Amino acid sequence: MTVRVVTDSTADIPPEILKELDIAVVPIHVVFGENSYRDRVDIGEDEFYHRLSLDGVLPTTAVPSPKDFATIYNNLAEETDKIISIHLTSKESGIYNSALLAKDMVQKKCRIEVIDSQTISMSYGLLAMAAAREAKAGASLDQVADVVRRSVPRTHILFMVDTLKYVVRGGRVSRARGVLGSVLGVKPLLTLKEGHLTLSTH
């Protein structure tokens, strides 16, 4: 049976690639006030950023529950007995731990490898894509997992934001650094260090 690949919606993989590579996605929950939406299911990227710019309340996110993961795993277990699940760094989110808990909730006999990508966004989306291509080529679960695990320490991300406002409000960067960046008019460069989001010193 072909290995199936699972990731979460913060991997930012375009829909057409998800379909082409047959990658299953567990959506995180985006909360605006009292309303909760499944990312990229109930609310799309355009609407999210539109509301972000208009609403006075900063949205929050909620980790998919183990039941959310188990539903996906159980559905896939109808057609395969091997799954690799690749997720957002455990240092910034509980998604990885939720996926781990879900393994014990799978009803059919199915081996599931859950991998902490140690990174965010498309940088681990690329890991999921690489895993899916290996799987489609006929690689075993051990071979697919080995490719991903060897790639994790070699995968890096650098990105620039127009403002530190949301990064500070989300608690990812200290208020002092945020104020300094705003005063100096600096557009900061962010990266991941040992799985933690941080300002790049390079």
C-alpha atoms as a PDB file:
ATOM      1  CA  MET A   1       0.000   0.000   0.000  1.00  0.00           C
ATOM      2  CA  THR A   2       1.159   3.540  -0.762  1.00  0.00           C
ATOM      3  CA  VAL A   3       2.276   5.670   2.179  1.00  0.00           C
ATOM      4  CA  ARG A   4      -0.134   8.561   2.759  1.00  0.00           C
ATOM      5  CA  VAL A   5       1.041  11.998   3.863  1.00  0.00           C
ATOM      6  CA  VAL A   6      -0.746  14.252   6.345  1.00  0.00           C
ATOM      7  CA  THR A   7       0.082  17.808   7.368  1.00  0.00           C
ATOM      8  CA  ASP A   8      -1.772  20.779   8.840  1.00  0.00           C
ATOM      9  CA  SER A   9      -3.079  23.908   7.158  1.00  0.00           C
ATOM     10  CA  THR A  10      -0.278  26.177   8.396  1.00  0.00           C
ATOM     11  CA  ALA A  11       2.055  24.388   5.956  1.00  0.00           C
ATOM     12  CA  ASP A  12       0.627  26.800   3.353  1.00  0.00           C
ATOM     13  CA  ILE A  13       0.722  24.274   0.507  1.00  0.00           C
ATOM     14  CA  PRO A  14      -1.312  25.514  -2.491  1.00  0.00           C
ATOM     15  CA  PRO A  15      -4.550  23.560  -3.085  1.00  0.00           C
ATOM     16  CA  GLU A  16      -3.519  22.383  -6.541  1.00  0.00           C
ATOM     17  CA  ILE A  17      -0.338  20.818  -5.143  1.00  0.00           C
ATOM     18  CA  LEU A  18      -2.239  19.165  -2.294  1.00  0.00           C
ATOM     19  CA  LYS A  19      -4.494  17.583  -4.892  1.00  0.00           C
ATOM     20  CA  GLU A  20      -1.659  16.591  -7.232  1.00  0.00           C
ATOM     21  CA  LEU A  21       0.358  14.933  -4.456  1.00  0.00           C
ATOM     22  CA  ASP A  22      -2.663  13.585  -2.561  1.00  0.00           C
ATOM     23  CA  ILE A  23      -1.684  15.217   0.746  1.00  0.00           C
ATOM     24  CA  ALA A  24      -4.318  15.251   3.495  1.00  0.00           C
ATOM     25  CA  VAL A  25      -4.632  18.393   5.594  1.00  0.00           C
ATOM     26  CA  VAL A  26      -5.914  18.906   9.133  1.00  0.00           C
ATOM     27  CA  PRO A  27      -7.095  22.530   9.453  1.00  0.00           C
ATOM     28  CA  ILE A  28      -6.244  24.653  12.463  1.00  0.00           C
ATOM     29  CA  HIS A  29      -9.027  26.780  13.956  1.00  0.00           C
ATOM     30  CA  VAL A  30      -9.015  30.560  13.499  1.00  0.00           C
ATOM     31  CA  VAL A  31     -10.997  32.486  16.113  1.00  0.00           C
ATOM     32  CA  PHE A  32     -12.343  35.990  15.534  1.00  0.00           C
ATOM     33  CA  GLY A  33     -14.178  37.077  18.680  1.00  0.00           C
ATOM     34  CA  GLU A  34     -16.801  34.424  19.413  1.00  0.00           C
ATOM     35  CA  ASN A  35     -16.618  32.824  15.966  1.00  0.00           C
ATOM     36  CA  SER A  36     -14.340  29.904  15.161  1.00  0.00           C
ATOM     37  CA  TYR A  37     -13.458  28.923  11.594  1.00  0.00           C
ATOM     38  CA  ARG A  38     -11.547  26.019  10.097  1.00  0.00           C
ATOM     39  CA  ASP A  39      -8.539  27.452   8.287  1.00  0.00           C
ATOM     40  CA  ARG A  40      -8.922  27.277   4.490  1.00  0.00           C
ATOM     41  CA  VAL A  41     -12.244  25.458   4.888  1.00  0.00           C
ATOM     42  CA  ASP A  42     -14.584  27.987   6.518  1.00  0.00           C
ATOM     43  CA  ILE A  43     -12.325  30.993   5.970  1.00  0.00           C
ATOM     44  CA  GLY A  44      -9.859  31.609   3.143  1.00  0.00           C
ATOM     45  CA  GLU A  45      -6.625  33.578   3.145  1.00  0.00           C
ATOM     46  CA  ASP A  46      -8.124  36.670   1.492  1.00  0.00           C
ATOM     47  CA  GLU A  47     -10.975  36.916   3.985  1.00  0.00           C
ATOM     48  CA  PHE A  48      -8.589  36.319   6.895  1.00  0.00           C
ATOM     49  CA  TYR A  49      -6.281  39.179   5.939  1.00  0.00           C
ATOM     50  CA  HIS A  50      -9.233  41.430   5.138  1.00  0.00           C
ATOM     51  CA  ARG A  51     -10.701  40.859   8.596  1.00  0.00           C
ATOM     52  CA  LEU A  52      -7.289  41.196  10.197  1.00  0.00           C
ATOM     53  CA  SER A  53      -6.905  44.687   8.728  1.00  0.00           C
ATOM     54  CA  LEU A  54     -10.439  45.782   9.684  1.00  0.00           C
ATOM     55  CA  ASP A  55     -11.213  44.140  13.023  1.00  0.00           C
ATOM     56  CA  GLY A  56     -10.006  45.758  16.218  1.00  0.00           C
ATOM     57  CA  VAL A  57      -9.632  42.352  17.869  1.00  0.00           C
ATOM     58  CA  LEU A  58      -6.568  40.276  17.029  1.00  0.00           C
ATOM     59  CA  PRO A  59      -7.626  36.770  15.985  1.00  0.00           C
ATOM     60  CA  THR A  60      -6.323  33.747  17.819  1.00  0.00           C
ATOM     61  CA  THR A  61      -5.734  30.223  16.639  1.00  0.00           C
ATOM     62  CA  ALA A  62      -6.653  26.920  18.229  1.00  0.00           C
ATOM     63  CA  VAL A  63      -4.850  23.637  17.754  1.00  0.00           C
ATOM     64  CA  PRO A  64      -6.818  20.874  16.010  1.00  0.00           C
ATOM     65  CA  SER A  65      -7.956  18.360  18.594  1.00  0.00           C
ATOM     66  CA  PRO A  66      -6.662  14.785  18.671  1.00  0.00           C
ATOM     67  CA  LYS A  67     -10.141  13.832  17.444  1.00  0.00           C
ATOM     68  CA  ASP A  68      -9.648  16.065  14.377  1.00  0.00           C
ATOM     69  CA  PHE A  69      -6.440  14.199  13.565  1.00  0.00           C
ATOM     70  CA  ALA A  70      -7.939  10.812  14.364  1.00  0.00           C
ATOM     71  CA  THR A  71     -10.770  11.454  11.911  1.00  0.00           C
ATOM     72  CA  ILE A  72      -8.264  12.030   9.100  1.00  0.00           C
ATOM     73  CA  TYR A  73      -6.120   9.066  10.168  1.00  0.00           C
ATOM     74  CA  ASN A  74      -9.120   6.734  10.385  1.00  0.00           C
ATOM     75  CA  ASN A  75     -10.330   7.796   6.938  1.00  0.00           C
ATOM     76  CA  LEU A  76      -6.901   7.186   5.413  1.00  0.00           C
ATOM     77  CA  ALA A  77      -6.583   3.870   7.248  1.00  0.00           C
ATOM     78  CA  GLU A  78      -9.423   2.605   5.044  1.00  0.00           C
ATOM     79  CA  GLU A  79      -7.007   2.649   2.108  1.00  0.00           C
ATOM     80  CA  THR A  80      -3.521   2.339   3.594  1.00  0.00           C
ATOM     81  CA  ASP A  81      -1.732   0.952   6.648  1.00  0.00           C
ATOM     82  CA  LYS A  82       1.123   3.461   6.555  1.00  0.00           C
ATOM     83  CA  ILE A  83       0.849   7.222   7.301  1.00  0.00           C
ATOM     84  CA  ILE A  84       3.447   9.928   7.830  1.00  0.00           C
ATOM     85  CA  SER A  85       2.220  13.090   9.538  1.00  0.00           C
ATOM     86  CA  ILE A  86       4.456  16.196   9.319  1.00  0.00           C
ATOM     87  CA  HIS A  87       3.710  19.277  11.411  1.00  0.00           C
ATOM     88  CA  LEU A  88       4.552  22.744  12.640  1.00  0.00           C
ATOM     89  CA  THR A  89       7.392  23.072  15.153  1.00  0.00           C
ATOM     90  CA  SER A  90       6.355  21.843  18.590  1.00  0.00           C
ATOM     91  CA  LYS A  91       8.186  24.833  20.122  1.00  0.00           C
ATOM     92  CA  GLU A  92       5.541  27.209  18.749  1.00  0.00           C
ATOM     93  CA  SER A  93       2.374  25.103  18.754  1.00  0.00           C
ATOM     94  CA  GLY A  94       0.665  22.068  20.271  1.00  0.00           C
ATOM     95  CA  ILE A  95      -0.235  20.654  16.843  1.00  0.00           C
ATOM     96  CA  TYR A  96       2.520  18.028  16.925  1.00  0.00           C
ATOM     97  CA  ASN A  97       1.451  16.776  20.366  1.00  0.00           C
ATOM     98  CA  SER A  98      -2.189  16.630  19.285  1.00  0.00           C
ATOM     99  CA  ALA A  99      -1.191  14.476  16.316  1.00  0.00           C
ATOM    100  CA  LEU A 100       0.782  12.169  18.615  1.00  0.00           C
ATOM    101  CA  LEU A 101      -2.233  11.670  20.895  1.00  0.00           C
ATOM    102  CA  ALA A 102      -4.402  10.853  17.887  1.00  0.00           C
ATOM    103  CA  LYS A 103      -2.285   7.819  16.975  1.00  0.00           C
ATOM    104  CA  ASP A 104      -3.877   5.838  19.806  1.00  0.00           C
ATOM    105  CA  MET A 105      -7.359   6.726  18.576  1.00  0.00           C
ATOM    106  CA  VAL A 106      -6.995   5.032  15.198  1.00  0.00           C
ATOM    107  CA  GLN A 107      -9.329   2.056  14.982  1.00  0.00           C
ATOM    108  CA  LYS A 108      -7.702   0.092  12.170  1.00  0.00           C
ATOM    109  CA  LYS A 109      -4.222  -1.382  12.184  1.00  0.00           C
ATOM    110  CA  CYS A 110      -2.125   1.429  10.741  1.00  0.00           C
ATOM    111  CA  ARG A 111       1.436   2.526  11.431  1.00  0.00           C
ATOM    112  CA  ILE A 112       1.680   6.286  11.840  1.00  0.00           C
ATOM    113  CA  GLU A 113       4.929   8.260  12.004  1.00  0.00           C
ATOM    114  CA  VAL A 114       4.483  11.798  13.391  1.00  0.00           C
ATOM    115  CA  ILE A 115       7.346  14.193  12.684  1.00  0.00           C
ATOM    116  CA  ASP A 116       8.127  17.555  14.295  1.00  0.00           C
ATOM    117  CA  SER A 117       9.382  19.696  11.414  1.00  0.00           C
ATOM    118  CA  GLN A 118      11.100  22.192  13.754  1.00  0.00           C
ATOM    119  CA  THR A 119       9.986  24.933  11.388  1.00  0.00           C
ATOM    120  CA  ILE A 120       6.926  26.810  10.100  1.00  0.00           C
ATOM    121  CA  SER A 121       4.891  27.600   7.009  1.00  0.00           C
ATOM    122  CA  MET A 122       5.986  26.473   3.549  1.00  0.00           C
ATOM    123  CA  SER A 123       9.391  25.390   4.824  1.00  0.00           C
ATOM    124  CA  TYR A 124       7.718  22.289   6.266  1.00  0.00           C
ATOM    125  CA  GLY A 125       5.184  22.309   3.473  1.00  0.00           C
ATOM    126  CA  LEU A 126       8.175  21.484   1.275  1.00  0.00           C
ATOM    127  CA  LEU A 127       9.008  18.560   3.578  1.00  0.00           C
ATOM    128  CA  ALA A 128       5.462  17.229   3.193  1.00  0.00           C
ATOM    129  CA  MET A 129       5.679  17.643  -0.571  1.00  0.00           C
ATOM    130  CA  ALA A 130       8.998  15.777  -0.683  1.00  0.00           C
ATOM    131  CA  ALA A 131       7.484  12.991   1.425  1.00  0.00           C
ATOM    132  CA  ALA A 132       4.485  12.716  -0.904  1.00  0.00           C
ATOM    133  CA  ARG A 133       6.712  12.472  -3.975  1.00  0.00           C
ATOM    134  CA  GLU A 134       8.779   9.718  -2.343  1.00  0.00           C
ATOM    135  CA  ALA A 135       5.581   7.884  -1.421  1.00  0.00           C
ATOM    136  CA  LYS A 136       4.211   8.132  -4.950  1.00  0.00           C
ATOM    137  CA  ALA A 137       7.489   6.714  -6.234  1.00  0.00           C
ATOM    138  CA  GLY A 138       6.901   3.622  -4.118  1.00  0.00           C
ATOM    139  CA  ALA A 139       9.134   4.308  -1.115  1.00  0.00           C
ATOM    140  CA  SER A 140       8.389   2.516   2.155  1.00  0.00           C
ATOM    141  CA  LEU A 141       7.298   4.369   5.286  1.00  0.00           C
ATOM    142  CA  ASP A 142      10.774   4.012   6.782  1.00  0.00           C
ATOM    143  CA  GLN A 143      12.340   5.415   3.614  1.00  0.00           C
ATOM    144  CA  VAL A 144       9.924   8.352   3.477  1.00  0.00           C
ATOM    145  CA  ALA A 145      10.428   9.132   7.173  1.00  0.00           C
ATOM    146  CA  ASP A 146      14.199   8.938   6.750  1.00  0.00           C
ATOM    147  CA  VAL A 147      14.111  11.454   3.881  1.00  0.00           C
ATOM    148  CA  VAL A 148      12.076  13.875   5.995  1.00  0.00           C
ATOM    149  CA  ARG A 149      14.126  13.491   9.178  1.00  0.00           C
ATOM    150  CA  ARG A 150      17.406  13.975   7.302  1.00  0.00           C
ATOM    151  CA  SER A 151      15.950  17.096   5.664  1.00  0.00           C
ATOM    152  CA  VAL A 152      14.709  18.741   8.897  1.00  0.00           C
ATOM    153  CA  PRO A 153      18.108  20.099  10.070  1.00  0.00           C
ATOM    154  CA  ARG A 154      18.861  21.276   6.532  1.00  0.00           C
ATOM    155  CA  THR A 155      15.594  23.192   6.169  1.00  0.00           C
ATOM    156  CA  HIS A 156      15.707  26.911   6.997  1.00  0.00           C
ATOM    157  CA  ILE A 157      13.374  29.864   6.617  1.00  0.00           C
ATOM    158  CA  LEU A 158      13.958  33.616   6.587  1.00  0.00           C
ATOM    159  CA  PHE A 159      11.108  36.060   6.155  1.00  0.00           C
ATOM    160  CA  MET A 160      10.467  39.778   6.443  1.00  0.00           C
ATOM    161  CA  VAL A 161       7.346  41.488   7.800  1.00  0.00           C
ATOM    162  CA  ASP A 162       6.195  45.060   7.203  1.00  0.00           C
ATOM    163  CA  THR A 163       5.471  45.544  10.886  1.00  0.00           C
ATOM    164  CA  LEU A 164       6.227  43.811  14.176  1.00  0.00           C
ATOM    165  CA  LYS A 165       2.764  44.757  15.482  1.00  0.00           C
ATOM    166  CA  TYR A 166       1.179  41.340  15.145  1.00  0.00           C
ATOM    167  CA  VAL A 167       4.336  39.429  16.044  1.00  0.00           C
ATOM    168  CA  VAL A 168       4.609  41.372  19.326  1.00  0.00           C
ATOM    169  CA  ARG A 169       0.889  41.071  20.109  1.00  0.00           C
ATOM    170  CA  GLY A 170       1.115  37.356  19.505  1.00  0.00           C
ATOM    171  CA  GLY A 171       3.972  37.120  22.008  1.00  0.00           C
ATOM    172  CA  ARG A 172       6.560  35.895  19.492  1.00  0.00           C
ATOM    173  CA  VAL A 173       8.863  38.924  19.893  1.00  0.00           C
ATOM    174  CA  SER A 174       9.346  41.106  22.984  1.00  0.00           C
ATOM    175  CA  ARG A 175       7.594  44.487  23.163  1.00  0.00           C
ATOM    176  CA  ALA A 176      10.976  46.235  23.621  1.00  0.00           C
ATOM    177  CA  ARG A 177      12.270  44.833  20.331  1.00  0.00           C
ATOM    178  CA  GLY A 178       9.004  45.722  18.661  1.00  0.00           C
ATOM    179  CA  VAL A 179       9.186  49.337  19.811  1.00  0.00           C
ATOM    180  CA  LEU A 180      12.825  49.608  18.759  1.00  0.00           C
ATOM    181  CA  GLY A 181      12.045  48.244  15.321  1.00  0.00           C
ATOM    182  CA  SER A 182       9.143  50.677  14.869  1.00  0.00           C
ATOM    183  CA  VAL A 183      11.167  53.685  16.016  1.00  0.00           C
ATOM    184  CA  LEU A 184      14.031  52.877  13.682  1.00  0.00           C
ATOM    185  CA  GLY A 185      11.679  52.078  10.814  1.00  0.00           C
ATOM    186  CA  VAL A 186      13.345  48.691  10.438  1.00  0.00           C
ATOM    187  CA  LYS A 187      11.656  45.817   8.650  1.00  0.00           C
ATOM    188  CA  PRO A 188      12.907  42.886  10.706  1.00  0.00           C
ATOM    189  CA  LEU A 189      14.142  39.600   9.336  1.00  0.00           C
ATOM    190  CA  LEU A 190      12.764  36.618  11.228  1.00  0.00           C
ATOM    191  CA  THR A 191      13.938  33.031  11.326  1.00  0.00           C
ATOM    192  CA  LEU A 192      13.634  29.802  13.317  1.00  0.00           C
ATOM    193  CA  LYS A 193      16.338  28.823  15.784  1.00  0.00           C
ATOM    194  CA  GLU A 194      16.036  25.370  17.359  1.00  0.00           C
ATOM    195  CA  GLY A 195      12.347  25.460  16.500  1.00  0.00           C
ATOM    196  CA  HIS A 196      11.700  28.885  18.074  1.00  0.00           C
ATOM    197  CA  LEU A 197      10.709  31.986  16.089  1.00  0.00           C
ATOM    198  CA  THR A 198      13.322  34.691  16.599  1.00  0.00           C
ATOM    199  CA  LEU A 199      14.770  37.842  15.047  1.00  0.00           C
ATOM    200  CA  SER A 200      17.660  37.008  12.771  1.00  0.00           C
ATOM    201  CA  THR A 201      21.023  38.384  13.859  1.00  0.00           C
ATOM    202  CA  HIS A 202      22.525  38.070  10.371  1.00  0.00           C
END
